[in-house]
């Protein structure tokens, strides 16, 4: 299991990545999970949106890093 954070990432880009992965045949909750973390203007630590992808296969994680990071 590999967790990859795309920082910064707006919600439309995160959904575009999910659609692309599903188009390649990968399934949510089986091959990968994802979550969108919106910006928090009340905190100094997270003042911009991010997307976190949890990938359950090392080969998929390598492909994901090459394509989206």
PDB file of N, CA and C in Angstrom:
ATOM      1  N   UNK A   1       0.843  -1.166   0.000  1.00  0.00           N
ATOM      2  CA  UNK A   1       0.000   0.000   0.000  1.00  0.00           C
ATOM      3  C   UNK A   1       0.894   1.236   0.000  1.00  0.00           C
ATOM      4  N   UNK A   2       0.622   2.138  -0.938  1.00  0.00           N
ATOM      5  CA  UNK A   2       1.392   3.363  -1.079  1.00  0.00           C
ATOM      6  C   UNK A   2       0.417   4.538  -1.081  1.00  0.00           C
ATOM      7  N   UNK A   3       0.708   5.555  -0.275  1.00  0.00           N
ATOM      8  CA  UNK A   3      -0.115   6.759  -0.234  1.00  0.00           C
ATOM      9  C   UNK A   3       0.641   7.876  -0.941  1.00  0.00           C
ATOM     10  N   UNK A   4      -0.008   8.468  -1.942  1.00  0.00           N
ATOM     11  CA  UNK A   4       0.592   9.544  -2.718  1.00  0.00           C
ATOM     12  C   UNK A   4      -0.282  10.779  -2.558  1.00  0.00           C
ATOM     13  N   UNK A   5       0.333  11.890  -2.200  1.00  0.00           N
ATOM     14  CA  UNK A   5      -0.382  13.146  -2.036  1.00  0.00           C
ATOM     15  C   UNK A   5      -0.020  14.077  -3.180  1.00  0.00           C
ATOM     16  N   UNK A   6      -1.034  14.578  -3.851  1.00  0.00           N
ATOM     17  CA  UNK A   6      -0.830  15.568  -4.902  1.00  0.00           C
ATOM     18  C   UNK A   6      -1.151  16.923  -4.291  1.00  0.00           C
ATOM     19  N   UNK A   7      -0.152  17.769  -4.268  1.00  0.00           N
ATOM     20  CA  UNK A   7      -0.261  19.013  -3.518  1.00  0.00           C
ATOM     21  C   UNK A   7       0.332  20.156  -4.327  1.00  0.00           C
ATOM     22  N   UNK A   8      -0.395  21.164  -4.678  1.00  0.00           N
ATOM     23  CA  UNK A   8      -1.834  21.389  -4.541  1.00  0.00           C
ATOM     24  C   UNK A   8      -2.608  20.685  -5.652  1.00  0.00           C
ATOM     25  N   UNK A   9      -3.885  20.448  -5.401  1.00  0.00           N
ATOM     26  CA  UNK A   9      -4.746  19.770  -6.368  1.00  0.00           C
ATOM     27  C   UNK A   9      -6.187  20.216  -6.143  1.00  0.00           C
ATOM     28  N   UNK A  10      -6.791  20.811  -7.154  1.00  0.00           N
ATOM     29  CA  UNK A  10      -8.188  21.200  -6.994  1.00  0.00           C
ATOM     30  C   UNK A  10      -9.098  19.998  -7.256  1.00  0.00           C
ATOM     31  N   UNK A  11     -10.352  20.117  -6.875  1.00  0.00           N
ATOM     32  CA  UNK A  11     -11.269  18.978  -6.920  1.00  0.00           C
ATOM     33  C   UNK A  11     -11.494  18.495  -8.352  1.00  0.00           C
ATOM     34  N   UNK A  12     -11.525  19.396  -9.313  1.00  0.00           N
ATOM     35  CA  UNK A  12     -11.747  18.967 -10.695  1.00  0.00           C
ATOM     36  C   UNK A  12     -10.578  18.116 -11.200  1.00  0.00           C
ATOM     37  N   UNK A  13      -9.366  18.469 -10.815  1.00  0.00           N
ATOM     38  CA  UNK A  13      -8.191  17.668 -11.210  1.00  0.00           C
ATOM     39  C   UNK A  13      -8.221  16.292 -10.546  1.00  0.00           C
ATOM     40  N   UNK A  14      -8.615  16.245  -9.272  1.00  0.00           N
ATOM     41  CA  UNK A  14      -8.695  14.958  -8.561  1.00  0.00           C
ATOM     42  C   UNK A  14      -9.715  14.039  -9.224  1.00  0.00           C
ATOM     43  N   UNK A  15     -10.870  14.582  -9.581  1.00  0.00           N
ATOM     44  CA  UNK A  15     -11.903  13.766 -10.233  1.00  0.00           C
ATOM     45  C   UNK A  15     -11.451  13.333 -11.619  1.00  0.00           C
ATOM     46  N   UNK A  16     -10.738  14.195 -12.318  1.00  0.00           N
ATOM     47  CA  UNK A  16     -10.185  13.839 -13.626  1.00  0.00           C
ATOM     48  C   UNK A  16      -9.223  12.653 -13.504  1.00  0.00           C
ATOM     49  N   UNK A  17      -8.393  12.638 -12.478  1.00  0.00           N
ATOM     50  CA  UNK A  17      -7.468  11.525 -12.252  1.00  0.00           C
ATOM     51  C   UNK A  17      -8.238  10.239 -11.961  1.00  0.00           C
ATOM     52  N   UNK A  18      -9.268  10.325 -11.136  1.00  0.00           N
ATOM     53  CA  UNK A  18     -10.080   9.146 -10.812  1.00  0.00           C
ATOM     54  C   UNK A  18     -10.743   8.606 -12.075  1.00  0.00           C
ATOM     55  N   UNK A  19     -11.329   9.477 -12.902  1.00  0.00           N
ATOM     56  CA  UNK A  19     -11.947   9.029 -14.159  1.00  0.00           C
ATOM     57  C   UNK A  19     -10.922   8.357 -15.069  1.00  0.00           C
ATOM     58  N   UNK A  20      -9.733   8.918 -15.134  1.00  0.00           N
ATOM     59  CA  UNK A  20      -8.682   8.346 -15.973  1.00  0.00           C
ATOM     60  C   UNK A  20      -8.281   6.951 -15.483  1.00  0.00           C
ATOM     61  N   UNK A  21      -8.141   6.802 -14.181  1.00  0.00           N
ATOM     62  CA  UNK A  21      -7.763   5.492 -13.636  1.00  0.00           C
ATOM     63  C   UNK A  21      -8.867   4.470 -13.875  1.00  0.00           C
ATOM     64  N   UNK A  22     -10.118   4.880 -13.707  1.00  0.00           N
ATOM     65  CA  UNK A  22     -11.228   3.967 -13.971  1.00  0.00           C
ATOM     66  C   UNK A  22     -11.292   3.599 -15.449  1.00  0.00           C
ATOM     67  N   UNK A  23     -10.954   4.532 -16.340  1.00  0.00           N
ATOM     68  CA  UNK A  23     -10.933   4.255 -17.774  1.00  0.00           C
ATOM     69  C   UNK A  23      -9.847   3.238 -18.125  1.00  0.00           C
ATOM     70  N   UNK A  24      -8.776   3.183 -17.316  1.00  0.00           N
ATOM     71  CA  UNK A  24      -7.712   2.199 -17.519  1.00  0.00           C
ATOM     72  C   UNK A  24      -8.062   0.847 -16.890  1.00  0.00           C
ATOM     73  N   UNK A  25      -9.234   0.733 -16.274  1.00  0.00           N
ATOM     74  CA  UNK A  25      -9.680  -0.537 -15.733  1.00  0.00           C
ATOM     75  C   UNK A  25      -9.442  -0.728 -14.246  1.00  0.00           C
ATOM     76  N   UNK A  26      -8.932   0.292 -13.554  1.00  0.00           N
ATOM     77  CA  UNK A  26      -8.699   0.176 -12.119  1.00  0.00           C
ATOM     78  C   UNK A  26      -9.976   0.497 -11.360  1.00  0.00           C
ATOM     79  N   UNK A  27     -10.203  -0.212 -10.268  1.00  0.00           N
ATOM     80  CA  UNK A  27     -11.444  -0.084  -9.508  1.00  0.00           C
ATOM     81  C   UNK A  27     -11.200   0.588  -8.163  1.00  0.00           C
ATOM     82  N   UNK A  28     -12.108   1.517  -7.828  1.00  0.00           N
ATOM     83  CA  UNK A  28     -12.060   2.174  -6.526  1.00  0.00           C
ATOM     84  C   UNK A  28     -12.359   1.133  -5.458  1.00  0.00           C
ATOM     85  N   UNK A  29     -11.661   1.188  -4.351  1.00  0.00           N
ATOM     86  CA  UNK A  29     -11.764   0.290  -3.192  1.00  0.00           C
ATOM     87  C   UNK A  29     -11.136  -1.072  -3.422  1.00  0.00           C
ATOM     88  N   UNK A  30     -10.719  -1.366  -4.637  1.00  0.00           N
ATOM     89  CA  UNK A  30     -10.007  -2.620  -4.898  1.00  0.00           C
ATOM     90  C   UNK A  30      -8.561  -2.319  -5.274  1.00  0.00           C
ATOM     91  N   UNK A  31      -8.378  -1.455  -6.263  1.00  0.00           N
ATOM     92  CA  UNK A  31      -7.036  -1.090  -6.704  1.00  0.00           C
ATOM     93  C   UNK A  31      -6.530   0.192  -6.045  1.00  0.00           C
ATOM     94  N   UNK A  32      -7.447   1.110  -5.746  1.00  0.00           N
ATOM     95  CA  UNK A  32      -7.047   2.384  -5.159  1.00  0.00           C
ATOM     96  C   UNK A  32      -8.217   3.018  -4.413  1.00  0.00           C
ATOM     97  N   UNK A  33      -7.888   3.910  -3.515  1.00  0.00           N
ATOM     98  CA  UNK A  33      -8.854   4.778  -2.844  1.00  0.00           C
ATOM     99  C   UNK A  33      -8.328   6.197  -2.973  1.00  0.00           C
ATOM    100  N   UNK A  34      -9.210   7.152  -2.791  1.00  0.00           N
ATOM    101  CA  UNK A  34      -8.785   8.537  -2.880  1.00  0.00           C
ATOM    102  C   UNK A  34      -9.622   9.394  -1.953  1.00  0.00           C
ATOM    103  N   UNK A  35      -9.052  10.527  -1.572  1.00  0.00           N
ATOM    104  CA  UNK A  35      -9.816  11.503  -0.815  1.00  0.00           C
ATOM    105  C   UNK A  35      -9.304  12.885  -1.155  1.00  0.00           C
ATOM    106  N   UNK A  36     -10.236  13.815  -1.143  1.00  0.00           N
ATOM    107  CA  UNK A  36      -9.930  15.211  -1.413  1.00  0.00           C
ATOM    108  C   UNK A  36      -9.943  15.950  -0.096  1.00  0.00           C
ATOM    109  N   UNK A  37      -8.904  16.718   0.154  1.00  0.00           N
ATOM    110  CA  UNK A  37      -8.792  17.497   1.381  1.00  0.00           C
ATOM    111  C   UNK A  37      -8.834  18.970   0.972  1.00  0.00           C
ATOM    112  N   UNK A  38      -9.961  19.660   1.210  1.00  0.00           N
ATOM    113  CA  UNK A  38     -10.063  21.056   0.795  1.00  0.00           C
ATOM    114  C   UNK A  38      -9.162  21.963   1.631  1.00  0.00           C
ATOM    115  N   UNK A  39      -8.959  23.157   1.125  1.00  0.00           N
ATOM    116  CA  UNK A  39      -8.126  24.106   1.869  1.00  0.00           C
ATOM    117  C   UNK A  39      -8.823  24.505   3.158  1.00  0.00           C
ATOM    118  N   UNK A  40      -8.013  24.831   4.137  1.00  0.00           N
ATOM    119  CA  UNK A  40      -8.523  25.236   5.440  1.00  0.00           C
ATOM    120  C   UNK A  40      -7.949  26.609   5.738  1.00  0.00           C
ATOM    121  N   UNK A  41      -8.759  27.625   5.534  1.00  0.00           N
ATOM    122  CA  UNK A  41      -8.263  28.986   5.715  1.00  0.00           C
ATOM    123  C   UNK A  41      -8.030  29.327   7.186  1.00  0.00           C
ATOM    124  N   UNK A  42      -8.494  28.474   8.098  1.00  0.00           N
ATOM    125  CA  UNK A  42      -8.313  28.728   9.524  1.00  0.00           C
ATOM    126  C   UNK A  42      -6.998  28.154  10.059  1.00  0.00           C
ATOM    127  N   UNK A  43      -6.293  27.422   9.233  1.00  0.00           N
ATOM    128  CA  UNK A  43      -5.057  26.771   9.672  1.00  0.00           C
ATOM    129  C   UNK A  43      -3.887  27.237   8.811  1.00  0.00           C
ATOM    130  N   UNK A  44      -2.734  27.372   9.427  1.00  0.00           N
ATOM    131  CA  UNK A  44      -1.527  27.725   8.688  1.00  0.00           C
ATOM    132  C   UNK A  44      -0.941  26.513   7.977  1.00  0.00           C
ATOM    133  N   UNK A  45      -1.256  25.324   8.463  1.00  0.00           N
ATOM    134  CA  UNK A  45      -0.637  24.113   7.937  1.00  0.00           C
ATOM    135  C   UNK A  45      -1.203  23.703   6.585  1.00  0.00           C
ATOM    136  N   UNK A  46      -2.511  23.760   6.416  1.00  0.00           N
ATOM    137  CA  UNK A  46      -3.131  23.298   5.172  1.00  0.00           C
ATOM    138  C   UNK A  46      -3.946  24.430   4.574  1.00  0.00           C
ATOM    139  N   UNK A  47      -3.267  25.332   3.888  1.00  0.00           N
ATOM    140  CA  UNK A  47      -3.978  26.452   3.313  1.00  0.00           C
ATOM    141  C   UNK A  47      -4.239  26.296   1.821  1.00  0.00           C
ATOM    142  N   UNK A  48      -4.073  25.100   1.285  1.00  0.00           N
ATOM    143  CA  UNK A  48      -4.379  24.809  -0.107  1.00  0.00           C
ATOM    144  C   UNK A  48      -4.905  23.381  -0.211  1.00  0.00           C
ATOM    145  N   UNK A  49      -5.742  23.116  -1.218  1.00  0.00           N
ATOM    146  CA  UNK A  49      -6.340  21.784  -1.340  1.00  0.00           C
ATOM    147  C   UNK A  49      -5.331  20.728  -1.796  1.00  0.00           C
ATOM    148  N   UNK A  50      -5.553  19.505  -1.338  1.00  0.00           N
ATOM    149  CA  UNK A  50      -4.724  18.373  -1.747  1.00  0.00           C
ATOM    150  C   UNK A  50      -5.617  17.178  -2.067  1.00  0.00           C
ATOM    151  N   UNK A  51      -5.049  16.222  -2.753  1.00  0.00           N
ATOM    152  CA  UNK A  51      -5.728  14.955  -3.017  1.00  0.00           C
ATOM    153  C   UNK A  51      -4.788  13.837  -2.594  1.00  0.00           C
ATOM    154  N   UNK A  52      -5.317  12.871  -1.855  1.00  0.00           N
ATOM    155  CA  UNK A  52      -4.521  11.725  -1.419  1.00  0.00           C
ATOM    156  C   UNK A  52      -5.039  10.468  -2.098  1.00  0.00           C
ATOM    157  N   UNK A  53      -4.135   9.750  -2.714  1.00  0.00           N
ATOM    158  CA  UNK A  53      -4.469   8.500  -3.382  1.00  0.00           C
ATOM    159  C   UNK A  53      -3.749   7.374  -2.670  1.00  0.00           C
ATOM    160  N   UNK A  54      -4.494   6.357  -2.263  1.00  0.00           N
ATOM    161  CA  UNK A  54      -3.939   5.155  -1.657  1.00  0.00           C
ATOM    162  C   UNK A  54      -3.989   4.071  -2.718  1.00  0.00           C
ATOM    163  N   UNK A  55      -2.831   3.560  -3.099  1.00  0.00           N
ATOM    164  CA  UNK A  55      -2.721   2.558  -4.156  1.00  0.00           C
ATOM    165  C   UNK A  55      -2.304   1.235  -3.525  1.00  0.00           C
ATOM    166  N   UNK A  56      -3.007   0.169  -3.871  1.00  0.00           N
ATOM    167  CA  UNK A  56      -2.795  -1.126  -3.225  1.00  0.00           C
ATOM    168  C   UNK A  56      -1.875  -2.064  -3.999  1.00  0.00           C
ATOM    169  N   UNK A  57      -1.245  -1.560  -5.039  1.00  0.00           N
ATOM    170  CA  UNK A  57      -0.352  -2.366  -5.861  1.00  0.00           C
ATOM    171  C   UNK A  57       0.884  -1.517  -6.159  1.00  0.00           C
ATOM    172  N   UNK A  58       2.062  -2.038  -5.931  1.00  0.00           N
ATOM    173  CA  UNK A  58       3.297  -1.285  -6.142  1.00  0.00           C
ATOM    174  C   UNK A  58       3.503  -0.895  -7.604  1.00  0.00           C
ATOM    175  N   UNK A  59       3.111  -1.760  -8.524  1.00  0.00           N
ATOM    176  CA  UNK A  59       3.247  -1.447  -9.944  1.00  0.00           C
ATOM    177  C   UNK A  59       2.330  -0.285 -10.308  1.00  0.00           C
ATOM    178  N   UNK A  60       1.110  -0.320  -9.808  1.00  0.00           N
ATOM    179  CA  UNK A  60       0.168   0.776 -10.037  1.00  0.00           C
ATOM    180  C   UNK A  60       0.694   2.076  -9.422  1.00  0.00           C
ATOM    181  N   UNK A  61       1.288   1.996  -8.247  1.00  0.00           N
ATOM    182  CA  UNK A  61       1.844   3.179  -7.593  1.00  0.00           C
ATOM    183  C   UNK A  61       2.977   3.788  -8.428  1.00  0.00           C
ATOM    184  N   UNK A  62       3.815   2.955  -9.004  1.00  0.00           N
ATOM    185  CA  UNK A  62       4.903   3.456  -9.854  1.00  0.00           C
ATOM    186  C   UNK A  62       4.344   4.149 -11.087  1.00  0.00           C
ATOM    187  N   UNK A  63       3.363   3.525 -11.732  1.00  0.00           N
ATOM    188  CA  UNK A  63       2.723   4.118 -12.902  1.00  0.00           C
ATOM    189  C   UNK A  63       2.078   5.452 -12.537  1.00  0.00           C
ATOM    190  N   UNK A  64       1.393   5.493 -11.395  1.00  0.00           N
ATOM    191  CA  UNK A  64       0.713   6.700 -10.957  1.00  0.00           C
ATOM    192  C   UNK A  64       1.697   7.843 -10.726  1.00  0.00           C
ATOM    193  N   UNK A  65       2.805   7.538 -10.063  1.00  0.00           N
ATOM    194  CA  UNK A  65       3.827   8.573  -9.811  1.00  0.00           C
ATOM    195  C   UNK A  65       4.384   9.126 -11.124  1.00  0.00           C
ATOM    196  N   UNK A  66       4.650   8.263 -12.075  1.00  0.00           N
ATOM    197  CA  UNK A  66       5.188   8.720 -13.360  1.00  0.00           C
ATOM    198  C   UNK A  66       4.193   9.575 -14.118  1.00  0.00           C
ATOM    199  N   UNK A  67       2.923   9.228 -14.027  1.00  0.00           N
ATOM    200  CA  UNK A  67       1.914   9.939 -14.803  1.00  0.00           C
ATOM    201  C   UNK A  67       1.440  11.228 -14.152  1.00  0.00           C
ATOM    202  N   UNK A  68       1.277  11.251 -12.828  1.00  0.00           N
ATOM    203  CA  UNK A  68       0.590  12.370 -12.177  1.00  0.00           C
ATOM    204  C   UNK A  68       1.440  13.228 -11.247  1.00  0.00           C
ATOM    205  N   UNK A  69       2.615  12.800 -10.898  1.00  0.00           N
ATOM    206  CA  UNK A  69       3.442  13.642 -10.019  1.00  0.00           C
ATOM    207  C   UNK A  69       4.406  14.472 -10.816  1.00  0.00           C
TER     208      UNK A  69
END
